[in-house]
């Protein structure tokens, strides 16, 4: 246990008095103006000779629907959110696609929410291409884009805001069964209203049957 002498206490009191006399209560005039934007978000590591770059696409926050988690009641979901100090009734979803450089090929796995969402969200999401560029990766140099599944946060980034190809020189690799399902007109006609119906429409917007 630390023991303090009378001299220690008097020294501390003198220091506090000196600090109180400093002009910390005066208005602050920063010499450098605020940057006004977030620092680029990316992280790079290696697995053997393969270089992996994780570049954030940002984060999506939205009001959670009653049936957002279909097999668990909403109050149970909220209790789980509270345990990790997250806001109840809100979904907060980060997106972190990756680039893989093998030395001979440059691949992207999933594409984030796209440039259109960057503008729509005021830069909160849709950051992937910007962060790739900050990490020194040119989207025109990508050889292959691998799409894991057909949700918007994984495939919408295939298109720029003007509907041009984000990766114009890349082969697009998709799961055959996934593509077959979402491109099936019969499946689309049976889709329930809401999220499923909307996802079918979005898939058709991004892809064509010729892909």
Protein backbone atom coordinates (compact mmCIF):
# COMPACT_ATOMS: atom_id res chain seq x y z
CA UNK A 1 0.00 0.00 0.00
CA UNK A 2 1.33 3.48 -0.94
CA UNK A 3 1.93 5.91 1.97
CA UNK A 4 1.77 9.68 1.41
CA UNK A 5 3.72 12.17 3.57
CA UNK A 6 2.62 15.71 4.46
CA UNK A 7 5.20 16.98 1.95
CA UNK A 8 3.57 14.87 -0.84
CA UNK A 9 0.16 16.32 -0.06
CA UNK A 10 1.44 19.91 0.02
CA UNK A 11 3.21 19.37 -3.35
CA UNK A 12 0.04 18.00 -4.87
CA UNK A 13 -1.99 20.93 -3.58
CA UNK A 14 0.54 23.39 -5.01
CA UNK A 15 0.40 21.65 -8.39
CA UNK A 16 -3.40 21.79 -8.43
CA UNK A 17 -3.33 25.50 -7.64
CA UNK A 18 -0.88 26.14 -10.48
CA UNK A 19 -3.05 24.18 -12.92
CA UNK A 20 -6.10 26.20 -11.88
CA UNK A 21 -4.29 29.38 -12.81
CA UNK A 22 -3.72 28.23 -16.41
CA UNK A 23 -6.08 29.70 -19.05
CA UNK A 24 -8.03 26.46 -19.68
CA UNK A 25 -11.30 28.30 -19.20
CA UNK A 26 -10.55 30.60 -22.12
CA UNK A 27 -12.00 29.97 -25.63
CA UNK A 28 -9.92 27.54 -27.66
CA UNK A 29 -8.75 28.54 -31.13
CA UNK A 30 -7.52 25.46 -32.99
CA UNK A 31 -4.70 26.09 -35.41
CA UNK A 32 -5.90 23.27 -37.69
CA UNK A 33 -9.50 23.13 -38.95
CA UNK A 34 -11.46 19.86 -38.58
CA UNK A 35 -10.79 17.28 -41.31
CA UNK A 36 -14.52 16.87 -41.96
CA UNK A 37 -14.31 13.21 -42.99
CA UNK A 38 -13.39 9.81 -41.62
CA UNK A 39 -9.94 8.33 -42.14
CA UNK A 40 -9.81 5.57 -44.75
CA UNK A 41 -10.74 2.18 -43.27
CA UNK A 42 -8.65 -0.78 -44.35
CA UNK A 43 -6.39 -3.46 -42.84
CA UNK A 44 -3.84 -5.66 -44.59
CA UNK A 45 -2.23 -8.95 -43.61
CA UNK A 46 -0.60 -11.94 -45.27
CA UNK A 47 -1.31 -15.66 -45.35
CA UNK A 48 1.88 -17.17 -46.70
CA UNK A 49 2.56 -15.29 -49.93
CA UNK A 50 -1.09 -14.18 -50.34
CA UNK A 51 -1.90 -10.59 -49.40
CA UNK A 52 -5.34 -9.94 -47.93
CA UNK A 53 -6.82 -6.45 -47.64
CA UNK A 54 -9.99 -5.90 -45.61
CA UNK A 55 -11.61 -2.62 -46.65
CA UNK A 56 -14.73 -1.43 -44.86
CA UNK A 57 -17.84 -0.53 -46.79
CA UNK A 58 -19.16 1.33 -43.76
CA UNK A 59 -22.14 0.50 -41.60
CA UNK A 60 -25.91 0.33 -42.00
CA UNK A 61 -28.25 1.28 -39.13
CA UNK A 62 -31.98 0.81 -39.40
CA UNK A 63 -35.09 0.22 -37.30
CA UNK A 64 -35.51 -3.48 -36.64
CA UNK A 65 -38.73 -5.01 -37.92
CA UNK A 66 -40.75 -7.26 -35.65
CA UNK A 67 -39.89 -10.25 -37.83
CA UNK A 68 -36.30 -9.29 -38.69
CA UNK A 69 -35.04 -12.35 -36.82
CA UNK A 70 -37.67 -14.85 -37.85
CA UNK A 71 -37.16 -17.59 -35.24
CA UNK A 72 -36.64 -15.44 -32.10
CA UNK A 73 -38.96 -12.95 -30.44
CA UNK A 74 -37.94 -9.31 -30.65
CA UNK A 75 -37.57 -8.93 -26.86
CA UNK A 76 -35.02 -11.75 -26.87
CA UNK A 77 -33.08 -10.00 -29.64
CA UNK A 78 -33.21 -6.74 -27.68
CA UNK A 79 -31.88 -8.50 -24.59
CA UNK A 80 -28.95 -9.80 -26.65
CA UNK A 81 -28.31 -6.28 -27.98
CA UNK A 82 -28.33 -4.88 -24.44
CA UNK A 83 -25.72 -7.44 -23.36
CA UNK A 84 -23.26 -6.00 -25.89
CA UNK A 85 -24.25 -2.38 -25.12
CA UNK A 86 -26.10 -1.82 -28.40
CA UNK A 87 -29.30 0.17 -28.87
CA UNK A 88 -32.53 -1.80 -28.67
CA UNK A 89 -34.89 -1.98 -31.66
CA UNK A 90 -32.02 -1.01 -33.98
CA UNK A 91 -29.91 -3.14 -36.30
CA UNK A 92 -26.33 -2.01 -36.80
CA UNK A 93 -24.58 -3.95 -39.54
CA UNK A 94 -20.95 -3.36 -40.56
CA UNK A 95 -19.77 -4.46 -44.01
CA UNK A 96 -16.18 -5.58 -44.60
CA UNK A 97 -15.50 -7.03 -48.08
CA UNK A 98 -11.98 -8.17 -48.89
CA UNK A 99 -9.42 -8.10 -51.68
CA UNK A 100 -7.02 -11.02 -52.21
CA UNK A 101 -3.79 -10.58 -54.15
CA UNK A 102 -2.11 -13.89 -55.02
CA UNK A 103 0.70 -12.21 -56.94
CA UNK A 104 -0.76 -13.29 -60.28
CA UNK A 105 -4.45 -12.52 -59.67
CA UNK A 106 -6.37 -9.81 -57.81
CA UNK A 107 -9.74 -10.97 -56.49
CA UNK A 108 -12.55 -9.22 -54.64
CA UNK A 109 -14.89 -11.21 -52.39
CA UNK A 110 -18.24 -9.41 -52.16
CA UNK A 111 -18.64 -5.76 -53.06
CA UNK A 112 -20.49 -3.87 -50.34
CA UNK A 113 -23.56 -1.72 -50.90
CA UNK A 114 -22.25 0.35 -53.79
CA UNK A 115 -21.61 3.93 -54.80
CA UNK A 116 -25.33 4.75 -54.94
CA UNK A 117 -25.62 3.92 -51.26
CA UNK A 118 -22.57 6.06 -50.51
CA UNK A 119 -24.49 9.07 -51.82
CA UNK A 120 -27.80 8.00 -50.27
CA UNK A 121 -26.26 7.45 -46.81
CA UNK A 122 -24.02 10.55 -46.94
CA UNK A 123 -20.95 8.35 -46.80
CA UNK A 124 -22.00 6.14 -43.90
CA UNK A 125 -22.01 3.09 -46.18
CA UNK A 126 -20.95 2.32 -49.75
CA UNK A 127 -17.31 3.14 -48.92
CA UNK A 128 -15.65 0.02 -50.33
CA UNK A 129 -14.27 1.39 -53.60
CA UNK A 130 -13.02 4.55 -51.88
CA UNK A 131 -11.24 2.53 -49.20
CA UNK A 132 -9.79 0.13 -51.78
CA UNK A 133 -8.28 3.11 -53.56
CA UNK A 134 -6.90 4.42 -50.25
CA UNK A 135 -5.28 0.98 -49.80
CA UNK A 136 -3.62 1.30 -53.22
CA UNK A 137 -5.97 -1.03 -55.11
CA UNK A 138 -7.27 0.09 -58.50
CA UNK A 139 -10.75 -1.28 -59.24
CA UNK A 140 -9.81 -1.50 -62.92
CA UNK A 141 -7.03 -3.96 -62.06
CA UNK A 142 -9.36 -6.52 -60.42
CA UNK A 143 -9.31 -9.86 -62.26
CA UNK A 144 -12.25 -11.61 -60.60
CA UNK A 145 -15.12 -10.68 -58.28
CA UNK A 146 -16.57 -13.52 -56.21
CA UNK A 147 -20.12 -13.01 -54.91
CA UNK A 148 -20.97 -15.20 -51.92
CA UNK A 149 -24.75 -14.68 -52.09
CA UNK A 150 -27.37 -12.35 -53.54
CA UNK A 151 -28.03 -9.84 -50.77
CA UNK A 152 -27.60 -6.16 -51.56
CA UNK A 153 -24.70 -5.60 -49.16
CA UNK A 154 -22.75 -8.29 -51.02
CA UNK A 155 -23.59 -7.55 -54.66
CA UNK A 156 -24.88 -3.99 -55.11
CA UNK A 157 -21.31 -2.74 -55.34
CA UNK A 158 -20.99 -4.45 -58.72
CA UNK A 159 -22.49 -1.25 -60.17
CA UNK A 160 -21.45 2.37 -59.88
CA UNK A 161 -24.05 5.09 -59.33
CA UNK A 162 -24.52 5.50 -63.11
CA UNK A 163 -25.02 1.70 -63.49
CA UNK A 164 -21.62 1.26 -65.13
CA UNK A 165 -19.51 -1.70 -64.02
CA UNK A 166 -17.47 -1.06 -60.90
CA UNK A 167 -14.92 -3.68 -61.96
CA UNK A 168 -15.01 -3.41 -65.76
CA UNK A 169 -12.17 -5.85 -66.45
CA UNK A 170 -13.17 -8.53 -63.96
CA UNK A 171 -14.81 -11.91 -64.36
CA UNK A 172 -17.84 -12.20 -62.06
CA UNK A 173 -18.11 -15.55 -60.26
CA UNK A 174 -21.39 -16.41 -58.54
CA UNK A 175 -22.92 -19.54 -56.92
CA UNK A 176 -24.83 -21.41 -59.62
CA UNK A 177 -27.73 -22.47 -57.36
CA UNK A 178 -28.05 -18.95 -55.95
CA UNK A 179 -28.20 -17.43 -59.42
CA UNK A 180 -30.68 -20.02 -60.63
CA UNK A 181 -33.04 -19.38 -57.71
CA UNK A 182 -33.14 -15.58 -57.95
CA UNK A 183 -33.41 -15.62 -61.74
CA UNK A 184 -36.31 -18.09 -61.74
CA UNK A 185 -39.53 -16.29 -62.73
CA UNK A 186 -41.60 -18.94 -60.96
CA UNK A 187 -39.75 -18.39 -57.69
CA UNK A 188 -40.15 -14.65 -58.12
CA UNK A 189 -43.92 -14.98 -58.63
CA UNK A 190 -44.23 -16.97 -55.39
CA UNK A 191 -42.11 -14.57 -53.32
CA UNK A 192 -43.96 -13.10 -50.30
CA UNK A 193 -44.38 -9.35 -50.12
CA UNK A 194 -41.70 -7.39 -48.31
CA UNK A 195 -38.05 -8.32 -48.11
CA UNK A 196 -38.16 -11.36 -50.42
CA UNK A 197 -40.08 -9.51 -53.12
CA UNK A 198 -37.71 -6.55 -52.82
CA UNK A 199 -34.65 -8.76 -53.05
CA UNK A 200 -35.89 -10.40 -56.24
CA UNK A 201 -36.33 -6.95 -57.79
CA UNK A 202 -32.89 -5.87 -56.67
CA UNK A 203 -31.23 -8.99 -58.06
CA UNK A 204 -32.88 -8.37 -61.42
CA UNK A 205 -31.67 -4.78 -61.29
CA UNK A 206 -28.05 -5.80 -60.74
CA UNK A 207 -27.94 -8.93 -62.88
CA UNK A 208 -29.40 -10.06 -66.18
CA UNK A 209 -30.13 -13.68 -67.18
CA UNK A 210 -27.11 -13.52 -69.50
CA UNK A 211 -24.63 -13.07 -66.59
